[in-house]
């Protein structure tokens, strides 16, 4: 009977969700006797000698070209006249590069191609008049649907589905205020729609931002739809099915999946100091050394330094009312005067200053006075403007239907043997 019930549920779901049409592509095989031309980055590689390598410790752009017989004036011209296109001082260890050389006994370098990342590259053309320009590899975008049920943690369960960690990171960012990911419950559920990027239809190159998502936490469903709320500034936020912004002015905590290890407590007594009262005006989140520390709201960095028991820290002024501070960093990523956005990495968890273990001490100021951020009723971000709502609802309706039709994986349940009762 149990199997029949499951079958009826599946039939109901299949009936509600329209099947996607299957596209049949006829493939015809043709035999060609001609050798295909090997082309990369817009160059016919058969016209050159080809040297592939990566930047190694101690390598410099000038030395690489000099030992491949490039005249020094050409190197100087690239370094000075094309600095905005290709800063030769910023080539990084481990980055791949390609040298196309002349097909003669000298094997002089004629083209230098540096891969900035998997998609973007810079070409330094050393033939005739020297020039430098940027390019992009051809990228194919493939939409992917993923659904899961929490059994361990969000990261572990997403990883078991073969999903890039960037998707887990993005999902945590979207629901950073509405869901405490350190307190997920078993059987919480999620669905995500996003695009994966492939180079030449086969080489994986990362993911785009999440298009839409669904999370059911403690039985409460929360939809999230990416929507551009300001076309002039190209600003995108995530809203629920009622056009409420999921973002608050402040994130719940400055580290993803961090563990609350010590709360704000003005009457805290510490054994090390003979149990004397030593107020703790911060909120501590334990996390491994090297964990990224995030700005909890937009603002300007007012301090990025090292001082006494605070160790390395960053302080941010968000507006006339609020400021935040992040202590005991291993290293800061931002400098005084920089503007940061909510969720930007500003440093990494460490143990500098007075600390007994790796964590970030998060301090929160309101009107110049340190307060407990977990007790503050912080304002929500602005909901979607009324004038944009009709277009928004028309946009999300098919996306919501698509989310609702993604099936969850069927989890295997332990087989229970039937009990046999024997009459005495």
Protein backbone atom coordinates (compact mmCIF):
# COMPACT_ATOMS: atom_id res chain seq x y z
CA UNK A 1 0.00 0.00 0.00
CA UNK A 2 2.89 2.34 0.77
CA UNK A 3 4.28 1.96 -2.76
CA UNK A 4 0.83 2.69 -4.23
CA UNK A 5 0.61 5.89 -2.18
CA UNK A 6 4.01 7.07 -3.41
CA UNK A 7 2.98 6.26 -6.98
CA UNK A 8 -0.22 8.31 -6.65
CA UNK A 9 1.75 11.30 -5.30
CA UNK A 10 4.20 11.11 -8.20
CA UNK A 11 1.32 10.87 -10.71
CA UNK A 12 -0.23 13.99 -9.17
CA UNK A 13 3.04 15.94 -9.42
CA UNK A 14 3.59 14.82 -13.02
CA UNK A 15 0.04 15.87 -13.88
CA UNK A 16 0.46 19.35 -12.36
CA UNK A 17 3.81 20.04 -13.99
CA UNK A 18 3.98 20.04 -17.75
CA UNK A 19 6.76 17.98 -19.19
CA UNK A 20 9.44 19.89 -21.01
CA UNK A 21 9.39 19.10 -24.72
CA UNK A 22 12.21 16.84 -25.78
CA UNK A 23 14.23 18.31 -28.58
CA UNK A 24 15.42 15.71 -31.06
CA UNK A 25 18.47 16.71 -33.04
CA UNK A 26 19.40 14.67 -36.07
CA UNK A 27 23.13 14.21 -36.40
CA UNK A 28 24.70 13.43 -39.73
CA UNK A 29 28.21 12.10 -39.94
CA UNK A 30 30.37 13.30 -42.76
CA UNK A 31 33.82 12.15 -43.66
CA UNK A 32 36.33 14.90 -44.34
CA UNK A 33 39.84 14.22 -45.50
CA UNK A 34 41.00 17.75 -44.67
CA UNK A 35 42.85 18.33 -41.40
CA UNK A 36 40.93 20.77 -39.15
CA UNK A 37 42.58 24.13 -38.50
CA UNK A 38 43.74 24.51 -34.89
CA UNK A 39 42.60 27.97 -33.79
CA UNK A 40 42.81 29.54 -30.32
CA UNK A 41 42.39 33.13 -29.17
CA UNK A 42 41.84 34.11 -32.83
CA UNK A 43 45.19 32.73 -34.05
CA UNK A 44 45.94 29.81 -36.36
CA UNK A 45 48.37 27.88 -34.18
CA UNK A 46 49.89 26.12 -37.17
CA UNK A 47 51.45 29.42 -38.23
CA UNK A 48 53.56 29.52 -35.05
CA UNK A 49 55.65 27.52 -32.67
CA UNK A 50 53.55 27.01 -29.52
CA UNK A 51 54.81 27.16 -25.93
CA UNK A 52 52.32 26.64 -23.08
CA UNK A 53 53.29 27.26 -19.46
CA UNK A 54 52.24 28.93 -16.22
CA UNK A 55 53.72 31.91 -14.38
CA UNK A 56 56.19 30.61 -11.81
CA UNK A 57 57.67 32.14 -8.69
CA UNK A 58 60.28 34.71 -9.77
CA UNK A 59 58.94 35.08 -13.32
CA UNK A 60 58.44 38.57 -14.70
CA UNK A 61 56.92 39.68 -17.99
CA UNK A 62 60.16 41.30 -19.11
CA UNK A 63 62.34 38.27 -18.38
CA UNK A 64 59.93 35.89 -20.10
CA UNK A 65 60.05 37.95 -23.29
CA UNK A 66 63.78 38.72 -23.18
CA UNK A 67 64.70 35.06 -23.01
CA UNK A 68 62.40 34.51 -25.99
CA UNK A 69 64.32 37.08 -28.06
CA UNK A 70 61.98 40.08 -27.82
CA UNK A 71 63.67 43.49 -28.11
CA UNK A 72 63.77 45.52 -24.89
CA UNK A 73 62.08 48.65 -26.43
CA UNK A 74 59.00 46.56 -27.25
CA UNK A 75 58.78 45.37 -23.65
CA UNK A 76 59.05 48.94 -22.38
CA UNK A 77 56.32 50.09 -24.78
CA UNK A 78 53.89 47.46 -23.48
CA UNK A 79 54.74 48.26 -19.85
CA UNK A 80 54.25 52.02 -20.27
CA UNK A 81 51.71 52.60 -23.05
CA UNK A 82 49.34 49.69 -22.34
CA UNK A 83 49.33 49.72 -18.56
CA UNK A 84 45.53 50.14 -18.41
CA UNK A 85 45.05 47.07 -20.63
CA UNK A 86 47.81 44.87 -19.22
CA UNK A 87 49.69 45.78 -16.05
CA UNK A 88 52.89 43.72 -16.41
CA UNK A 89 53.59 44.07 -12.66
CA UNK A 90 50.42 42.19 -11.75
CA UNK A 91 50.95 38.86 -13.46
CA UNK A 92 50.20 36.16 -10.89
CA UNK A 93 51.91 32.89 -10.05
CA UNK A 94 50.00 29.92 -11.44
CA UNK A 95 48.26 31.78 -14.27
CA UNK A 96 48.52 30.00 -17.66
CA UNK A 97 50.10 31.75 -20.62
CA UNK A 98 50.75 30.93 -24.26
CA UNK A 99 53.74 32.04 -26.32
CA UNK A 100 53.45 31.94 -30.09
CA UNK A 101 56.90 31.99 -31.64
CA UNK A 102 58.25 32.40 -35.16
CA UNK A 103 58.85 29.23 -37.16
CA UNK A 104 62.52 29.81 -37.79
CA UNK A 105 65.78 29.03 -36.08
CA UNK A 106 65.53 32.06 -33.76
CA UNK A 107 62.02 31.14 -32.46
CA UNK A 108 61.32 34.75 -31.49
CA UNK A 109 58.16 35.34 -29.43
CA UNK A 110 55.56 37.07 -31.63
CA UNK A 111 52.43 36.82 -29.47
CA UNK A 112 52.07 36.53 -25.67
CA UNK A 113 48.63 35.47 -24.37
CA UNK A 114 47.91 35.69 -20.64
CA UNK A 115 44.82 34.07 -19.10
CA UNK A 116 43.31 36.46 -16.54
CA UNK A 117 40.77 33.77 -15.60
CA UNK A 118 39.05 30.85 -17.30
CA UNK A 119 37.14 33.12 -19.67
CA UNK A 120 39.02 36.43 -20.02
CA UNK A 121 42.47 36.77 -21.54
CA UNK A 122 44.93 39.43 -22.71
CA UNK A 123 46.81 39.33 -26.00
CA UNK A 124 50.16 41.12 -26.39
CA UNK A 125 50.91 41.21 -30.13
CA UNK A 126 54.64 41.83 -30.62
CA UNK A 127 54.65 41.76 -34.41
CA UNK A 128 55.29 45.02 -36.27
CA UNK A 129 53.66 47.80 -34.20
CA UNK A 130 53.25 46.45 -30.67
CA UNK A 131 49.73 46.41 -29.19
CA UNK A 132 47.74 44.79 -26.38
CA UNK A 133 44.04 43.98 -26.17
CA UNK A 134 41.63 41.82 -24.18
CA UNK A 135 39.34 39.06 -25.34
CA UNK A 136 36.88 36.45 -24.09
CA UNK A 137 36.53 32.79 -24.88
CA UNK A 138 33.22 31.61 -26.30
CA UNK A 139 30.99 30.63 -23.38
CA UNK A 140 27.89 28.45 -23.36
CA UNK A 141 25.36 28.89 -20.54
CA UNK A 142 23.42 25.85 -19.37
CA UNK A 143 20.52 26.27 -16.96
CA UNK A 144 20.51 23.77 -14.11
CA UNK A 145 17.83 22.85 -11.59
CA UNK A 146 18.82 21.40 -8.20
CA UNK A 147 16.70 20.23 -5.28
CA UNK A 148 17.76 18.74 -1.98
CA UNK A 149 16.73 17.77 1.55
CA UNK A 150 18.96 18.71 4.47
CA UNK A 151 20.48 15.65 6.13
CA UNK A 152 23.88 17.02 7.24
CA UNK A 153 24.54 20.70 6.46
CA UNK A 154 23.87 22.95 3.47
CA UNK A 155 27.48 22.71 2.23
CA UNK A 156 27.70 18.92 2.59
CA UNK A 157 24.30 18.28 1.03
CA UNK A 158 24.91 20.69 -1.87
CA UNK A 159 28.31 19.10 -2.47
CA UNK A 160 26.71 15.64 -2.61
CA UNK A 161 24.60 16.93 -5.51
CA UNK A 162 27.73 17.90 -7.45
CA UNK A 163 27.07 21.63 -7.13
CA UNK A 164 29.80 24.29 -7.28
CA UNK A 165 30.49 25.76 -3.81
CA UNK A 166 29.81 29.22 -5.30
CA UNK A 167 26.12 28.25 -5.49
CA UNK A 168 26.12 27.33 -1.78
CA UNK A 169 27.80 30.66 -1.01
CA UNK A 170 25.27 32.59 -3.12
CA UNK A 171 22.32 30.76 -1.55
CA UNK A 172 23.62 31.57 1.94
CA UNK A 173 23.95 35.23 0.91
CA UNK A 174 20.37 35.39 -0.40
CA UNK A 175 18.89 33.99 2.81
CA UNK A 176 21.51 35.49 5.14
CA UNK A 177 18.96 37.31 7.28
CA UNK A 178 15.84 35.17 6.93
CA UNK A 179 17.55 31.84 7.77
CA UNK A 180 20.14 30.99 10.44
CA UNK A 181 22.21 28.38 8.57
CA UNK A 182 23.93 27.26 11.75
CA UNK A 183 20.54 25.99 12.97
CA UNK A 184 19.13 24.21 9.96
CA UNK A 185 16.81 21.32 10.74
CA UNK A 186 16.95 17.87 9.21
CA UNK A 187 14.41 17.61 6.38
CA UNK A 188 14.56 21.34 5.61
CA UNK A 189 14.30 21.56 1.81
CA UNK A 190 15.73 23.71 -0.96
CA UNK A 191 15.45 24.22 -4.71
CA UNK A 192 17.74 26.36 -6.86
CA UNK A 193 17.81 27.43 -10.51
CA UNK A 194 21.09 28.82 -11.86
CA UNK A 195 23.30 28.76 -14.94
CA UNK A 196 26.60 26.95 -15.36
CA UNK A 197 29.24 28.26 -17.77
CA UNK A 198 31.14 26.08 -20.22
CA UNK A 199 33.97 26.95 -22.60
CA UNK A 200 33.76 25.20 -25.97
CA UNK A 201 30.68 23.36 -24.66
CA UNK A 202 32.82 21.07 -22.50
CA UNK A 203 35.20 22.90 -20.13
CA UNK A 204 33.46 23.95 -16.91
CA UNK A 205 34.00 27.65 -16.12
CA UNK A 206 31.90 28.42 -13.05
CA UNK A 207 28.36 29.63 -12.38
CA UNK A 208 26.23 32.73 -12.79
CA UNK A 209 24.27 34.30 -9.93
CA UNK A 210 21.22 32.35 -8.75
CA UNK A 211 18.15 33.07 -10.85
CA UNK A 212 15.55 31.89 -8.36
CA UNK A 213 15.44 29.73 -5.24
CA UNK A 214 13.15 28.18 -2.66
CA UNK A 215 13.93 27.21 0.93
CA UNK A 216 11.63 25.50 3.39
CA UNK A 217 12.97 26.04 6.93
CA UNK A 218 11.09 24.74 9.97
CA UNK A 219 8.07 24.24 7.72
CA UNK A 220 8.12 27.86 6.50
CA UNK A 221 8.48 28.29 2.70
CA UNK A 222 10.58 31.23 1.47
CA UNK A 223 10.83 32.03 -2.25
CA UNK A 224 13.60 34.19 -3.70
CA UNK A 225 13.55 35.81 -7.15
CA UNK A 226 16.39 37.91 -8.58
CA UNK A 227 14.97 41.15 -9.98
CA UNK A 228 16.59 44.32 -11.27
CA UNK A 229 15.00 47.11 -9.23
CA UNK A 230 16.96 49.95 -10.84
CA UNK A 231 17.75 49.56 -14.54
CA UNK A 232 19.84 52.74 -14.62
CA UNK A 233 22.20 51.51 -11.90
CA UNK A 234 21.82 47.80 -12.80
CA UNK A 235 20.96 46.97 -9.18
CA UNK A 236 19.55 43.50 -8.53
CA UNK A 237 18.02 42.27 -5.28
CA UNK A 238 16.13 39.15 -4.23
CA UNK A 239 12.43 39.40 -3.40
CA UNK A 240 9.84 36.90 -2.21
CA UNK A 241 6.56 36.05 -3.93
CA UNK A 242 4.93 39.14 -2.32
CA UNK A 243 7.70 41.53 -3.56
CA UNK A 244 9.25 41.89 -0.08
CA UNK A 245 13.03 42.36 -0.11
CA UNK A 246 14.80 39.39 1.52
CA UNK A 247 17.75 41.58 2.41
CA UNK A 248 17.99 43.58 5.61
CA UNK A 249 20.28 46.53 6.13
CA UNK A 250 22.59 44.19 8.10
CA UNK A 251 23.52 40.53 7.71
CA UNK A 252 22.75 38.25 10.65
CA UNK A 253 26.46 37.49 11.19
CA UNK A 254 29.82 38.37 9.58
CA UNK A 255 30.88 34.77 8.70
CA UNK A 256 28.96 32.15 6.76
CA UNK A 257 28.04 29.06 8.79
CA UNK A 258 29.85 30.50 11.83
CA UNK A 259 29.07 29.27 15.35
CA UNK A 260 27.95 31.76 18.00
CA UNK A 261 30.53 31.15 20.72
CA UNK A 262 30.08 34.12 23.06
CA UNK A 263 27.32 36.72 23.25
CA UNK A 264 27.36 40.39 24.18
CA UNK A 265 27.47 40.36 27.99
CA UNK A 266 28.20 43.34 30.24
CA UNK A 267 28.46 41.09 33.34
CA UNK A 268 30.74 38.39 31.98
CA UNK A 269 33.26 36.87 34.43
CA UNK A 270 36.43 35.24 33.09
CA UNK A 271 38.50 32.63 34.95
CA UNK A 272 41.77 33.98 33.50
CA UNK A 273 41.11 37.33 35.24
CA UNK A 274 40.10 35.75 38.59
CA UNK A 275 36.40 35.74 37.72
CA UNK A 276 36.29 39.51 37.86
CA UNK A 277 33.56 41.22 35.86
CA UNK A 278 34.95 42.16 32.47
CA UNK A 279 32.20 43.36 30.10
CA UNK A 280 32.18 41.69 26.70
CA UNK A 281 30.78 44.23 24.26
CA UNK A 282 31.22 42.04 21.22
CA UNK A 283 29.51 38.99 19.75
CA UNK A 284 31.95 36.15 18.98
CA UNK A 285 31.58 33.76 16.06
CA UNK A 286 33.95 30.81 16.01
CA UNK A 287 35.23 29.70 12.61
CA UNK A 288 38.41 28.09 11.21
CA UNK A 289 41.45 30.27 10.54
CA UNK A 290 41.21 31.71 7.05
CA UNK A 291 37.39 31.83 6.94
CA UNK A 292 36.28 34.96 5.00
CA UNK A 293 34.86 37.77 7.15
CA UNK A 294 32.03 39.70 5.48
CA UNK A 295 30.91 43.31 5.79
CA UNK A 296 27.44 43.06 7.32
CA UNK A 297 26.22 46.21 5.54
CA UNK A 298 27.27 48.81 2.99
CA UNK A 299 29.65 51.44 4.33
CA UNK A 300 33.05 53.13 4.36
CA UNK A 301 36.11 51.66 6.08
CA UNK A 302 37.22 54.07 8.82
CA UNK A 303 39.97 51.87 10.31
CA UNK A 304 42.03 48.93 9.05
CA UNK A 305 44.94 48.42 11.42
CA UNK A 306 46.40 46.39 14.31
CA UNK A 307 46.15 47.52 17.92
CA UNK A 308 46.64 45.82 21.30
CA UNK A 309 44.18 43.11 22.32
CA UNK A 310 42.02 43.77 19.27
CA UNK A 311 44.71 42.39 16.99
CA UNK A 312 44.16 43.07 13.31
CA UNK A 313 40.74 44.62 12.75
CA UNK A 314 38.51 46.60 10.42
CA UNK A 315 35.93 49.19 11.39
CA UNK A 316 33.16 50.36 9.05
CA UNK A 317 30.86 53.39 9.26
CA UNK A 318 27.53 52.53 7.64
CA UNK A 319 25.63 55.79 8.21
CA UNK A 320 25.09 58.43 10.89
CA UNK A 321 23.57 55.82 13.19
CA UNK A 322 25.48 52.54 12.77
CA UNK A 323 29.11 51.36 12.75
CA UNK A 324 30.59 47.85 13.03
CA UNK A 325 34.01 46.43 13.93
CA UNK A 326 35.61 43.02 13.21
CA UNK A 327 38.49 41.91 15.50
CA UNK A 328 41.29 39.28 15.63
CA UNK A 329 41.75 38.99 11.86
CA UNK A 330 44.52 36.95 10.34
CA UNK A 331 44.73 39.59 7.61
CA UNK A 332 42.68 42.52 6.35
CA UNK A 333 41.59 42.81 2.73
CA UNK A 334 40.42 46.44 2.73
CA UNK A 335 42.04 49.79 3.45
CA UNK A 336 40.87 52.93 5.21
CA UNK A 337 38.64 55.01 2.96
CA UNK A 338 37.37 52.12 0.81
CA UNK A 339 33.62 51.72 0.23
CA UNK A 340 32.37 48.17 0.74
CA UNK A 341 29.09 46.47 -0.09
CA UNK A 342 27.14 44.13 2.14
CA UNK A 343 28.67 40.66 1.81
CA UNK A 344 32.08 41.84 0.55
CA UNK A 345 35.06 39.99 2.04
CA UNK A 346 36.96 42.45 4.26
CA UNK A 347 39.44 40.02 5.89
CA UNK A 348 39.97 36.51 7.22
CA UNK A 349 39.45 34.88 10.62
CA UNK A 350 42.61 34.66 12.70
CA UNK A 351 43.93 34.73 16.28
CA UNK A 352 45.67 38.08 16.53
CA UNK A 353 45.38 40.04 19.79
CA UNK A 354 43.88 38.58 22.97
CA UNK A 355 42.05 35.44 21.90
CA UNK A 356 41.97 31.83 23.00
CA UNK A 357 40.89 30.42 19.66
CA UNK A 358 40.08 31.36 16.05
CA UNK A 359 37.01 33.58 15.86
CA UNK A 360 35.81 37.04 14.86
CA UNK A 361 34.65 39.40 17.60
CA UNK A 362 31.85 41.44 16.02
CA UNK A 363 31.15 44.80 17.62
CA UNK A 364 28.14 46.94 16.83
CA UNK A 365 27.64 50.67 17.48
CA UNK A 366 24.33 52.55 17.47
CA UNK A 367 24.47 56.32 17.92
CA UNK A 368 28.04 56.02 19.23
CA UNK A 369 27.22 53.37 21.88
CA UNK A 370 28.08 49.67 21.66
CA UNK A 371 24.95 47.51 21.72
CA UNK A 372 23.97 43.85 21.25
CA UNK A 373 23.22 43.37 17.52
CA UNK A 374 21.14 40.26 18.24
CA UNK A 375 18.71 42.33 20.30
CA UNK A 376 18.42 45.21 17.86
CA UNK A 377 15.34 45.49 15.66
CA UNK A 378 17.18 46.39 12.49
CA UNK A 379 15.28 47.91 9.56
CA UNK A 380 14.50 45.87 6.47
CA UNK A 381 15.69 46.91 3.04
CA UNK A 382 13.12 48.74 0.96
CA UNK A 383 10.43 46.53 -0.65
CA UNK A 384 9.95 46.68 -4.39
CA UNK A 385 8.38 49.95 -5.49
CA UNK A 386 4.66 49.80 -6.24
CA UNK A 387 5.18 50.91 -9.85
CA UNK A 388 7.42 47.89 -10.52
CA UNK A 389 5.18 45.27 -8.95
CA UNK A 390 2.90 44.43 -11.93
CA UNK A 391 5.94 43.65 -14.11
CA UNK A 392 7.58 41.79 -11.23
CA UNK A 393 4.60 39.50 -10.63
CA UNK A 394 4.30 38.78 -14.36
CA UNK A 395 8.02 37.94 -14.41
CA UNK A 396 8.04 35.59 -11.41
CA UNK A 397 4.85 33.60 -12.16
CA UNK A 398 6.49 31.18 -14.65
CA UNK A 399 9.62 30.98 -12.44
CA UNK A 400 7.54 30.03 -9.41
CA UNK A 401 5.77 27.35 -11.46
CA UNK A 402 9.17 26.05 -12.62
CA UNK A 403 10.43 25.87 -9.02
CA UNK A 404 7.30 24.13 -7.81
CA UNK A 405 7.72 21.44 -10.46
CA UNK A 406 11.29 20.49 -9.53
CA UNK A 407 11.06 17.12 -7.72
CA UNK A 408 13.00 16.42 -4.54
CA UNK A 409 15.34 13.42 -4.51
CA UNK A 410 13.78 10.25 -3.14
CA UNK A 411 15.66 9.35 -0.01
CA UNK A 412 16.24 5.72 0.76
CA UNK A 413 14.62 4.60 4.00
CA UNK A 414 15.93 1.68 6.06
CA UNK A 415 14.05 -1.51 5.29
CA UNK A 416 12.19 -2.82 8.32
CA UNK A 417 11.60 -6.52 8.54
CA UNK A 418 8.01 -7.60 9.18
CA UNK A 419 7.45 -8.86 12.70
CA UNK A 420 6.15 -12.42 12.87
CA UNK A 421 3.94 -13.17 15.86
CA UNK A 422 3.84 -16.78 16.87
CA UNK A 423 0.90 -18.12 18.82
CA UNK A 424 1.87 -19.77 22.06
